[in-house]
C-alpha atoms as a PDB file:
ATOM      1  CA  MET A   1      82.238 -21.841 -19.629  1.00  0.00           C
ATOM      2  CA  SER A   2      78.915 -19.903 -18.668  1.00  0.00           C
ATOM      3  CA  LEU A   3      78.827 -15.542 -19.274  1.00  0.00           C
ATOM      4  CA  GLN A   4      75.991 -14.323 -16.976  1.00  0.00           C
ATOM      5  CA  ILE A   5      74.975 -11.098 -17.350  1.00  0.00           C
ATOM      6  CA  LYS A   6      72.941  -8.743 -14.539  1.00  0.00           C
ATOM      7  CA  ARG A   7      69.519  -9.792 -14.505  1.00  0.00           C
ATOM      8  CA  GLY A   8      66.306  -8.439 -12.602  1.00  0.00           C
ATOM      9  CA  LEU A   9      62.852  -7.741 -12.486  1.00  0.00           C
ATOM     10  CA  GLU A  10      61.533  -4.949 -14.310  1.00  0.00           C
ATOM     11  CA  LYS A  11      60.244  -2.606 -11.161  1.00  0.00           C
ATOM     12  CA  TYR A  12      63.836  -2.416  -9.761  1.00  0.00           C
ATOM     13  CA  ARG A  13      65.544  -1.489 -13.280  1.00  0.00           C
ATOM     14  CA  SER A  14      65.157   2.522 -13.240  1.00  0.00           C
ATOM     15  CA  THR A  15      67.086   2.135  -9.198  1.00  0.00           C
ATOM     16  CA  TYR A  16      69.913   0.635 -10.968  1.00  0.00           C
ATOM     17  CA  ILE A  17      72.104   2.172 -13.220  1.00  0.00           C
ATOM     18  CA  PRO A  18      74.785   0.055 -15.542  1.00  0.00           C
ATOM     19  CA  ALA A  19      78.350   0.675 -15.914  1.00  0.00           C
ATOM     20  CA  GLU A  20      78.989   1.487 -19.774  1.00  0.00           C
ATOM     21  CA  GLY A  21      78.412  -1.211 -22.024  1.00  0.00           C
ATOM     22  CA  GLU A  22      76.890  -3.521 -18.975  1.00  0.00           C
ATOM     23  CA  LEU A  23      74.256  -5.420 -20.190  1.00  0.00           C
ATOM     24  CA  VAL A  24      71.006  -5.649 -17.539  1.00  0.00           C
ATOM     25  CA  TYR A  25      68.546  -8.648 -18.730  1.00  0.00           C
ATOM     26  CA  ILE A  26      64.978  -8.109 -17.727  1.00  0.00           C
ATOM     27  CA  THR A  27      63.390 -11.958 -16.702  1.00  0.00           C
ATOM     28  CA  ASP A  28      59.691 -10.676 -16.025  1.00  0.00           C
ATOM     29  CA  THR A  29      59.569  -8.746 -19.725  1.00  0.00           C
ATOM     30  CA  LYS A  30      62.511 -10.600 -21.722  1.00  0.00           C
ATOM     31  CA  LYS A  31      64.255  -7.269 -22.672  1.00  0.00           C
ATOM     32  CA  LEU A  32      67.967  -6.123 -22.433  1.00  0.00           C
ATOM     33  CA  TYR A  33      69.433  -3.009 -21.968  1.00  0.00           C
ATOM     34  CA  VAL A  34      72.604  -1.866 -21.903  1.00  0.00           C
ATOM     35  CA  GLY A  35      74.918   0.511 -19.664  1.00  0.00           C
ATOM     36  CA  ASP A  36      75.687   3.844 -20.804  1.00  0.00           C
ATOM     37  CA  GLY A  37      77.179   5.045 -17.421  1.00  0.00           C
ATOM     38  CA  TYR A  38      74.377   7.421 -15.979  1.00  0.00           C
ATOM     39  CA  THR A  39      71.411   6.526 -17.458  1.00  0.00           C
ATOM     40  CA  ALA A  40      69.094   4.448 -15.065  1.00  0.00           C
ATOM     41  CA  GLY A  41      67.929   1.545 -16.111  1.00  0.00           C
ATOM     42  CA  GLY A  42      70.034   1.359 -19.317  1.00  0.00           C
ATOM     43  CA  ILE A  43      69.250   1.645 -22.755  1.00  0.00           C
ATOM     44  CA  LEU A  44      67.076  -0.399 -24.295  1.00  0.00           C
ATOM     45  CA  ILE A  45      68.809  -3.107 -26.527  1.00  0.00           C
ATOM     46  CA  THR A  46      65.623  -3.140 -30.354  1.00  0.00           C
ATOM     47  CA  GLY A  47      64.617  -6.402 -31.410  1.00  0.00           C
ATOM     48  CA  THR A  48      62.942  -9.066 -29.751  1.00  0.00           C
ATOM     49  CA  LEU A  49      64.834 -11.385 -27.548  1.00  0.00           C
ATOM     50  CA  GLN A  50      63.257 -15.551 -28.782  1.00  0.00           C
ATOM     51  CA  PRO A  51      62.444 -17.665 -26.430  1.00  0.00           C
ATOM     52  CA  PRO A  52      64.646 -20.910 -26.172  1.00  0.00           C
ATOM     53  CA  PRO A  53      63.853 -23.550 -28.747  1.00  0.00           C
ATOM     54  CA  THR A  54      61.204 -26.232 -26.706  1.00  0.00           C
ATOM     55  CA  THR A  55      63.896 -29.234 -28.248  1.00  0.00           C
ATOM     56  CA  ALA A  56      67.556 -29.173 -26.620  1.00  0.00           C
ATOM     57  CA  PRO A  57      70.188 -29.032 -28.938  1.00  0.00           C
ATOM     58  CA  PRO A  58      72.114 -32.303 -29.243  1.00  0.00           C
ATOM     59  CA  ALA A  59      74.815 -32.563 -25.835  1.00  0.00           C
ATOM     60  CA  THR A  60      78.264 -31.240 -27.093  1.00  0.00           C
ATOM     61  CA  THR A  61      81.102 -34.047 -25.964  1.00  0.00           C
ATOM     62  CA  LEU A  62      83.703 -31.997 -24.042  1.00  0.00           C
ATOM     63  CA  PRO A  63      87.205 -33.571 -23.547  1.00  0.00           C
ATOM     64  CA  PRO A  64      87.129 -35.374 -20.325  1.00  0.00           C
ATOM     65  CA  THR A  65      89.413 -32.715 -18.664  1.00  0.00           C
ATOM     66  CA  THR A  66      86.196 -29.744 -19.002  1.00  0.00           C
ATOM     67  CA  SER A  67      83.590 -29.453 -16.599  1.00  0.00           C
ATOM     68  CA  ILE A  68      80.174 -28.047 -17.058  1.00  0.00           C
ATOM     69  CA  ALA A  69      78.928 -26.034 -14.488  1.00  0.00           C
ATOM     70  CA  THR A  70      75.743 -27.510 -13.414  1.00  0.00           C
ATOM     71  CA  THR A  71      74.202 -25.118 -10.931  1.00  0.00           C
ATOM     72  CA  ALA A  72      73.030 -21.533 -11.737  1.00  0.00           C
ATOM     73  CA  PRO A  73      74.871 -18.483  -9.470  1.00  0.00           C
ATOM     74  CA  PRO A  74      72.219 -17.133  -7.806  1.00  0.00           C
ATOM     75  CA  VAL A  75      70.378 -13.863  -9.330  1.00  0.00           C
ATOM     76  CA  THR A  76      71.066 -10.816  -8.301  1.00  0.00           C
ATOM     77  CA  THR A  77      68.219  -8.856  -6.864  1.00  0.00           C
ATOM     78  CA  LEU A  78      68.376  -4.775  -7.532  1.00  0.00           C
ATOM     79  CA  PRO A  79      67.879  -2.689  -4.193  1.00  0.00           C
ATOM     80  CA  PRO A  80      64.229  -1.270  -3.936  1.00  0.00           C
ATOM     81  CA  THR A  81      63.530   2.519  -3.996  1.00  0.00           C
ATOM     82  CA  THR A  82      64.905   3.813  -0.690  1.00  0.00           C
ATOM     83  CA  SER A  83      60.991   5.461   0.424  1.00  0.00           C
ATOM     84  CA  ILE A  84      61.003   9.426   2.218  1.00  0.00           C
ATOM     85  CA  ALA A  85      59.021   9.895   5.068  1.00  0.00           C
ATOM     86  CA  THR A  86      56.134  11.976   4.434  1.00  0.00           C
ATOM     87  CA  THR A  87      55.293  12.363   7.991  1.00  0.00           C
ATOM     88  CA  ALA A  88      56.419  15.227   9.661  1.00  0.00           C
ATOM     89  CA  PRO A  89      57.883  14.314  13.200  1.00  0.00           C
ATOM     90  CA  PRO A  90      55.516  15.170  16.673  1.00  0.00           C
ATOM     91  CA  VAL A  91      56.285  19.159  18.088  1.00  0.00           C
ATOM     92  CA  THR A  92      57.895  18.779  20.854  1.00  0.00           C
ATOM     93  CA  THR A  93      56.337  20.582  23.693  1.00  0.00           C
ATOM     94  CA  LEU A  94      58.248  22.343  26.426  1.00  0.00           C
ATOM     95  CA  PRO A  95      57.666  21.874  29.676  1.00  0.00           C
ATOM     96  CA  PRO A  96      55.191  24.620  31.470  1.00  0.00           C
ATOM     97  CA  THR A  97      57.010  27.257  32.931  1.00  0.00           C
ATOM     98  CA  THR A  98      56.859  26.654  37.135  1.00  0.00           C
ATOM     99  CA  THR A  99      56.836  30.837  37.506  1.00  0.00           C
ATOM    100  CA  PRO A 100      53.246  31.708  38.604  1.00  0.00           C
ATOM    101  CA  PRO A 101      51.600  33.987  36.104  1.00  0.00           C
ATOM    102  CA  TRP A 102      50.858  36.522  39.213  1.00  0.00           C
ATOM    103  CA  ILE A 103      54.363  37.405  39.648  1.00  0.00           C
ATOM    104  CA  GLN A 104      54.566  38.671  35.941  1.00  0.00           C
ATOM    105  CA  ILE A 105      51.284  40.632  36.205  1.00  0.00           C
ATOM    106  CA  GLU A 106      50.578  42.238  39.115  1.00  0.00           C
ATOM    107  CA  ARG A 107      49.259  45.577  38.614  1.00  0.00           C
ATOM    108  CA  ILE A 108      46.934  47.951  40.116  1.00  0.00           C
ATOM    109  CA  VAL A 109      43.564  48.850  38.493  1.00  0.00           C
ATOM    110  CA  SER A 110      41.430  52.252  39.202  1.00  0.00           C
ATOM    111  CA  ASN A 111      38.044  53.558  38.436  1.00  0.00           C
ATOM    112  CA  ILE A 112      40.305  56.750  37.786  1.00  0.00           C
ATOM    113  CA  THR A 113      39.950  57.285  33.495  1.00  0.00           C
ATOM    114  CA  ASP A 114      42.107  61.275  34.164  1.00  0.00           C
ATOM    115  CA  PRO A 115      44.840  61.944  35.271  1.00  0.00           C
ATOM    116  CA  LYS A 116      43.036  64.285  38.276  1.00  0.00           C
ATOM    117  CA  VAL A 117      40.195  62.309  40.208  1.00  0.00           C
ATOM    118  CA  ARG A 118      36.580  63.174  42.387  1.00  0.00           C
ATOM    119  CA  GLN A 119      36.228  61.601  45.435  1.00  0.00           C
ATOM    120  CA  PRO A 120      35.020  58.787  46.319  1.00  0.00           C
ATOM    121  CA  PHE A 121      37.061  56.377  44.198  1.00  0.00           C
ATOM    122  CA  GLN A 122      38.059  53.428  43.906  1.00  0.00           C
ATOM    123  CA  ILE A 123      41.744  51.627  43.122  1.00  0.00           C
ATOM    124  CA  GLU A 124      42.110  47.869  42.705  1.00  0.00           C
ATOM    125  CA  PHE A 125      45.024  45.665  43.460  1.00  0.00           C
ATOM    126  CA  SER A 126      44.850  42.461  41.182  1.00  0.00           C
ATOM    127  CA  TYR A 127      46.278  39.698  39.859  1.00  0.00           C
ATOM    128  CA  GLY A 128      47.690  39.149  42.613  1.00  0.00           C
ATOM    129  CA  LYS A 129      49.031  35.627  44.416  1.00  0.00           C
ATOM    130  CA  PRO A 130      44.956  34.961  45.648  1.00  0.00           C
ATOM    131  CA  ASN A 131      45.085  35.543  49.743  1.00  0.00           C
ATOM    132  CA  SER A 132      48.746  36.798  49.887  1.00  0.00           C
ATOM    133  CA  THR A 133      48.828  39.791  51.688  1.00  0.00           C
ATOM    134  CA  PHE A 134      50.323  43.820  50.167  1.00  0.00           C
ATOM    135  CA  THR A 135      51.223  47.240  52.104  1.00  0.00           C
ATOM    136  CA  TRP A 136      50.944  50.235  50.377  1.00  0.00           C
ATOM    137  CA  SER A 137      51.954  54.004  52.052  1.00  0.00           C
ATOM    138  CA  GLU A 138      52.375  57.465  50.927  1.00  0.00           C
ATOM    139  CA  SER A 139      55.441  58.246  49.386  1.00  0.00           C
ATOM    140  CA  GLY A 140      57.479  59.500  51.637  1.00  0.00           C
ATOM    141  CA  LYS A 141      55.664  59.181  54.747  1.00  0.00           C
ATOM    142  CA  ASN A 142      55.797  56.404  57.705  1.00  0.00           C
ATOM    143  CA  ASN A 143      51.360  55.165  57.024  1.00  0.00           C
ATOM    144  CA  GLU A 144      52.379  52.349  55.977  1.00  0.00           C
ATOM    145  CA  LYS A 145      48.555  49.876  55.569  1.00  0.00           C
ATOM    146  CA  THR A 146      48.644  46.196  55.011  1.00  0.00           C
ATOM    147  CA  GLU A 147      45.876  44.468  53.459  1.00  0.00           C
ATOM    148  CA  THR A 148      44.993  40.878  52.187  1.00  0.00           C
ATOM    149  CA  LEU A 149      44.094  40.062  48.541  1.00  0.00           C
ATOM    150  CA  ASP A 150      40.961  37.803  48.607  1.00  0.00           C
ATOM    151  CA  SER A 151      40.708  34.037  46.710  1.00  0.00           C
ATOM    152  CA  SER A 152      40.795  35.419  43.204  1.00  0.00           C
ATOM    153  CA  GLY A 153      43.756  38.067  43.764  1.00  0.00           C
ATOM    154  CA  SER A 154      42.105  41.427  44.542  1.00  0.00           C
ATOM    155  CA  LYS A 155      41.698  43.353  46.406  1.00  0.00           C
ATOM    156  CA  VAL A 156      39.449  46.881  45.857  1.00  0.00           C
ATOM    157  CA  LEU A 157      39.977  49.835  48.263  1.00  0.00           C
ATOM    158  CA  ASP A 158      37.257  53.068  48.787  1.00  0.00           C
ATOM    159  CA  PHE A 159      38.983  56.292  48.709  1.00  0.00           C
ATOM    160  CA  SER A 160      37.455  59.592  50.284  1.00  0.00           C
ATOM    161  CA  GLY A 161      38.357  62.135  52.603  1.00  0.00           C
ATOM    162  CA  ILE A 162      41.339  63.026  50.677  1.00  0.00           C
ATOM    163  CA  ASN A 163      42.305  66.695  50.275  1.00  0.00           C
ATOM    164  CA  ILE A 164      40.645  68.695  47.228  1.00  0.00           C
ATOM    165  CA  ALA A 165      43.527  69.973  44.375  1.00  0.00           C
ATOM    166  CA  ASP A 166      46.309  67.882  46.102  1.00  0.00           C
ATOM    167  CA  THR A 167      48.766  65.389  44.428  1.00  0.00           C
ATOM    168  CA  TYR A 168      48.924  61.891  45.865  1.00  0.00           C
ATOM    169  CA  SER A 169      51.722  59.234  45.482  1.00  0.00           C
ATOM    170  CA  TYR A 170      51.409  55.820  46.526  1.00  0.00           C
ATOM    171  CA  ASP A 171      53.891  52.972  47.201  1.00  0.00           C
ATOM    172  CA  VAL A 172      52.731  49.836  47.059  1.00  0.00           C
ATOM    173  CA  TYR A 173      54.704  46.279  47.595  1.00  0.00           C
ATOM    174  CA  PHE A 174      53.385  42.828  46.842  1.00  0.00           C
ATOM    175  CA  THR A 175      54.826  40.727  50.141  1.00  0.00           C
ATOM    176  CA  ALA A 176      54.343  37.296  47.511  1.00  0.00           C
ATOM    177  CA  SER A 177      56.440  38.030  44.942  1.00  0.00           C
ATOM    178  CA  GLY A 178      58.434  41.222  46.070  1.00  0.00           C
ATOM    179  CA  HIS A 179      56.843  43.166  43.597  1.00  0.00           C
ATOM    180  CA  ARG A 180      56.745  47.097  43.712  1.00  0.00           C
ATOM    181  CA  GLU A 181      54.683  49.278  41.914  1.00  0.00           C
ATOM    182  CA  THR A 182      54.132  52.788  42.673  1.00  0.00           C
ATOM    183  CA  PHE A 183      50.864  55.562  41.710  1.00  0.00           C
ATOM    184  CA  THR A 184      50.636  59.059  41.618  1.00  0.00           C
ATOM    185  CA  LEU A 185      46.900  60.883  41.337  1.00  0.00           C
ATOM    186  CA  THR A 186      46.134  64.654  41.823  1.00  0.00           C
ATOM    187  CA  ILE A 187      42.401  64.840  43.293  1.00  0.00           C
ATOM    188  CA  GLN A 188      40.574  67.379  41.348  1.00  0.00           C
ATOM    189  CA  ASP A 189      38.868  70.500  42.579  1.00  0.00           C
ATOM    190  CA  TYR A 190      35.111  71.159  42.173  1.00  0.00           C
ATOM    191  CA  ASP A 191      33.486  74.202  40.208  1.00  0.00           C
ATOM    192  CA  GLU A 192      30.592  73.790  42.669  1.00  0.00           C
ATOM    193  CA  LYS A 193      28.619  76.390  40.103  1.00  0.00           C
ATOM    194  CA  VAL A 194      25.519  77.938  41.714  1.00  0.00           C
ATOM    195  CA  ASP A 195      22.331  79.816  40.671  1.00  0.00           C
ATOM    196  CA  PHE A 196      18.788  81.008  40.473  1.00  0.00           C
ATOM    197  CA  SER A 197      16.140  79.807  39.078  1.00  0.00           C
ATOM    198  CA  PRO A 198      12.821  81.839  39.781  1.00  0.00           C
ATOM    199  CA  VAL A 199       9.831  79.114  40.246  1.00  0.00           C
ATOM    200  CA  THR A 200       7.376  81.502  38.178  1.00  0.00           C
ATOM    201  CA  ASN A 201       8.101  84.312  35.674  1.00  0.00           C
ATOM    202  CA  TYR A 202       5.935  86.827  37.442  1.00  0.00           C
ATOM    203  CA  ASP A 203       6.711  86.022  40.731  1.00  0.00           C
ATOM    204  CA  ASN A 204      10.329  85.102  41.731  1.00  0.00           C
ATOM    205  CA  GLN A 205      10.035  85.494  46.073  1.00  0.00           C
ATOM    206  CA  LEU A 206       9.212  82.013  45.429  1.00  0.00           C
ATOM    207  CA  PHE A 207      12.334  80.604  43.472  1.00  0.00           C
ATOM    208  CA  ASN A 208      15.219  77.723  43.503  1.00  0.00           C
ATOM    209  CA  PHE A 209      19.063  77.249  44.340  1.00  0.00           C
ATOM    210  CA  ILE A 210      20.844  75.013  41.635  1.00  0.00           C
ATOM    211  CA  PHE A 211      23.919  73.555  42.572  1.00  0.00           C
ATOM    212  CA  THR A 212      25.992  71.465  39.982  1.00  0.00           C
ATOM    213  CA  ASP A 213      29.187  69.703  39.999  1.00  0.00           C
ATOM    214  CA  CYS A 214      29.454  69.429  43.449  1.00  0.00           C
ATOM    215  CA  GLU A 215      31.562  66.670  45.212  1.00  0.00           C
ATOM    216  CA  PRO A 216      28.139  63.908  45.939  1.00  0.00           C
ATOM    217  CA  GLY A 217      27.125  63.391  49.492  1.00  0.00           C
ATOM    218  CA  SER A 218      28.309  66.899  50.611  1.00  0.00           C
ATOM    219  CA  LYS A 219      25.936  69.620  52.423  1.00  0.00           C
ATOM    220  CA  VAL A 220      25.728  73.505  51.707  1.00  0.00           C
ATOM    221  CA  SER A 221      24.852  76.065  54.257  1.00  0.00           C
ATOM    222  CA  LEU A 222      23.579  79.649  53.441  1.00  0.00           C
ATOM    223  CA  GLU A 223      24.660  82.854  54.594  1.00  0.00           C
ATOM    224  CA  ARG A 224      22.859  86.185  53.616  1.00  0.00           C
ATOM    225  CA  SER A 225      23.631  89.892  53.350  1.00  0.00           C
ATOM    226  CA  SER A 226      22.354  93.421  51.868  1.00  0.00           C
ATOM    227  CA  ASP A 227      25.754  94.712  51.131  1.00  0.00           C
ATOM    228  CA  ALA A 228      28.211  91.810  50.811  1.00  0.00           C
ATOM    229  CA  VAL A 229      29.926  92.916  53.759  1.00  0.00           C
ATOM    230  CA  ASP A 230      27.885  91.775  56.768  1.00  0.00           C
ATOM    231  CA  TYR A 231      26.532  88.181  56.611  1.00  0.00           C
ATOM    232  CA  SER A 232      24.355  86.794  58.836  1.00  0.00           C
ATOM    233  CA  PHE A 233      23.839  82.745  59.134  1.00  0.00           C
ATOM    234  CA  TYR A 234      21.127  81.462  57.605  1.00  0.00           C
ATOM    235  CA  GLY A 235      21.838  77.300  58.712  1.00  0.00           C
ATOM    236  CA  ASN A 236      21.753  74.717  56.357  1.00  0.00           C
ATOM    237  CA  LEU A 237      19.933  74.068  53.450  1.00  0.00           C
ATOM    238  CA  GLN A 238      18.082  70.673  53.052  1.00  0.00           C
ATOM    239  CA  GLY A 239      18.751  68.186  50.853  1.00  0.00           C
ATOM    240  CA  THR A 240      22.143  66.741  50.203  1.00  0.00           C
ATOM    241  CA  VAL A 241      24.380  66.655  46.206  1.00  0.00           C
ATOM    242  CA  ASP A 242      23.477  63.705  44.536  1.00  0.00           C
ATOM    243  CA  ASP A 243      25.998  60.980  43.163  1.00  0.00           C
ATOM    244  CA  SER A 244      25.623  63.283  40.002  1.00  0.00           C
ATOM    245  CA  GLY A 245      26.935  66.954  42.215  1.00  0.00           C
ATOM    246  CA  ASN A 246      23.581  68.109  41.790  1.00  0.00           C
ATOM    247  CA  LEU A 247      21.602  69.957  44.082  1.00  0.00           C
ATOM    248  CA  THR A 248      18.519  71.968  43.591  1.00  0.00           C
ATOM    249  CA  VAL A 249      16.839  73.396  46.742  1.00  0.00           C
ATOM    250  CA  PRO A 250      13.145  75.704  46.959  1.00  0.00           C
ATOM    251  CA  TYR A 251      13.714  78.918  48.851  1.00  0.00           C
ATOM    252  CA  SER A 252      11.665  81.999  49.158  1.00  0.00           C
ATOM    253  CA  ASP A 253      13.124  85.414  50.583  1.00  0.00           C
ATOM    254  CA  ILE A 254      11.299  88.808  50.526  1.00  0.00           C
ATOM    255  CA  ALA A 255      11.655  91.475  47.549  1.00  0.00           C
ATOM    256  CA  GLY A 256      15.476  93.408  47.495  1.00  0.00           C
ATOM    257  CA  TYR A 257      19.123  92.878  46.193  1.00  0.00           C
ATOM    258  CA  TRP A 258      20.742  90.176  48.598  1.00  0.00           C
ATOM    259  CA  TYR A 259      24.134  88.517  48.196  1.00  0.00           C
ATOM    260  CA  TYR A 260      24.166  85.240  49.408  1.00  0.00           C
ATOM    261  CA  ARG A 261      26.857  83.064  50.515  1.00  0.00           C
ATOM    262  CA  PHE A 262      27.055  79.341  50.139  1.00  0.00           C
ATOM    263  CA  THR A 263      29.792  76.835  52.150  1.00  0.00           C
ATOM    264  CA  PHE A 264      29.942  73.259  51.228  1.00  0.00           C
ATOM    265  CA  ASN A 265      30.850  70.985  54.412  1.00  0.00           C
ATOM    266  CA  THR A 266      33.217  68.944  52.679  1.00  0.00           C
ATOM    267  CA  THR A 267      35.119  70.961  50.868  1.00  0.00           C
ATOM    268  CA  ASN A 268      35.010  74.365  52.874  1.00  0.00           C
ATOM    269  CA  HIS A 269      35.022  76.089  49.629  1.00  0.00           C
ATOM    270  CA  THR A 270      32.545  79.299  49.623  1.00  0.00           C
ATOM    271  CA  LYS A 271      30.750  81.019  46.837  1.00  0.00           C
ATOM    272  CA  ASP A 272      28.851  84.158  46.446  1.00  0.00           C
ATOM    273  CA  LEU A 273      25.707  85.048  44.282  1.00  0.00           C
ATOM    274  CA  PRO A 274      24.050  88.711  44.344  1.00  0.00           C
ATOM    275  CA  VAL A 275      20.024  88.322  43.433  1.00  0.00           C
ATOM    276  CA  GLN A 276      17.796  90.771  42.691  1.00  0.00           C
ATOM    277  CA  ILE A 277      14.139  89.694  43.928  1.00  0.00           C
ATOM    278  CA  TYR A 278      11.070  91.122  42.812  1.00  0.00           C
ATOM    279  CA  SER A 279       7.512  90.836  44.391  1.00  0.00           C
ATOM    280  CA  TYR A 280       4.788  90.317  42.569  1.00  0.00           C
ATOM    281  CA  SER A 281       3.466  93.773  42.348  1.00  0.00           C
ATOM    282  CA  ASP A 282       6.739  95.200  40.468  1.00  0.00           C
ATOM    283  CA  SER A 283       7.488  93.748  37.207  1.00  0.00           C
ATOM    284  CA  THR A 284       8.189  90.194  35.463  1.00  0.00           C
ATOM    285  CA  GLY A 285      11.894  90.754  36.590  1.00  0.00           C
ATOM    286  CA  THR A 286      13.372  86.754  36.360  1.00  0.00           C
ATOM    287  CA  GLY A 287      15.844  87.570  39.210  1.00  0.00           C
ATOM    288  CA  GLY A 288      19.827  86.437  39.657  1.00  0.00           C
ATOM    289  CA  ASP A 289      22.412  88.540  38.237  1.00  0.00           C
ATOM    290  CA  GLY A 290      24.663  85.843  38.063  1.00  0.00           C
ATOM    291  CA  GLY A 291      26.995  84.132  40.623  1.00  0.00           C
ATOM    292  CA  GLY A 292      30.444  84.229  42.231  1.00  0.00           C
ATOM    293  CA  ASP A 293      33.712  82.756  43.715  1.00  0.00           C
ATOM    294  CA  SER A 294      34.530  84.497  47.037  1.00  0.00           C
END
């Protein structure tokens, strides 16, 4: 009767843990290992196995009732090592949102950098649905206006002619998204400073009126009095306040102490300026005693 033991190739040995006392024969290295129940591949049995003799031993005659197996059982092949995937699975891409972005980010932008603002100024309604409409009105008033956004989803409105030093609140409704906004601003009062500057140090009958911090584009009218009571209208001064709010007007008057009153046509504010005017023969006085508000 033949005795068969576990056998296979060296490259598969380490993948198999033989049971305690189990023998494993490696066919390509001609080495024999014995198992202890937990060592992968078993423990090498020292010594060198001799190859089989080239001359077969004399045949042993068995009793007629015993048959000899002539076909060897198939070789048991140890299972190959299971490889672990080292490549990460592809990232799952979520489908794009179907919500138009303008529904989330419609907003009101202006060139206002301070809670108070001077005229003229602009307010931009932006990031809306292109070519859609929006309405806006002063809070609490029935003066609603409808505007249309351009192809980029924006609209710029110019504001001017609003009462100075008043606070305004506006309600805005974007019709495409149903989004509502409210913004508040206060129109700032202009300081409208007035000063007097002689053209020379020797004859201030020729001088300049200097206006600063005025509303751009405004005009100034002049009245004059010798007693700060009975003012006479002297007409509009030449020139228009520039974009920086400044205006310089050359003027001349006879020597004396005069009270000048200026009226700004857009704000209807008045400013008073007392001035001492010297003639060439009087002294080297420089004139203006200062300005004041009415």
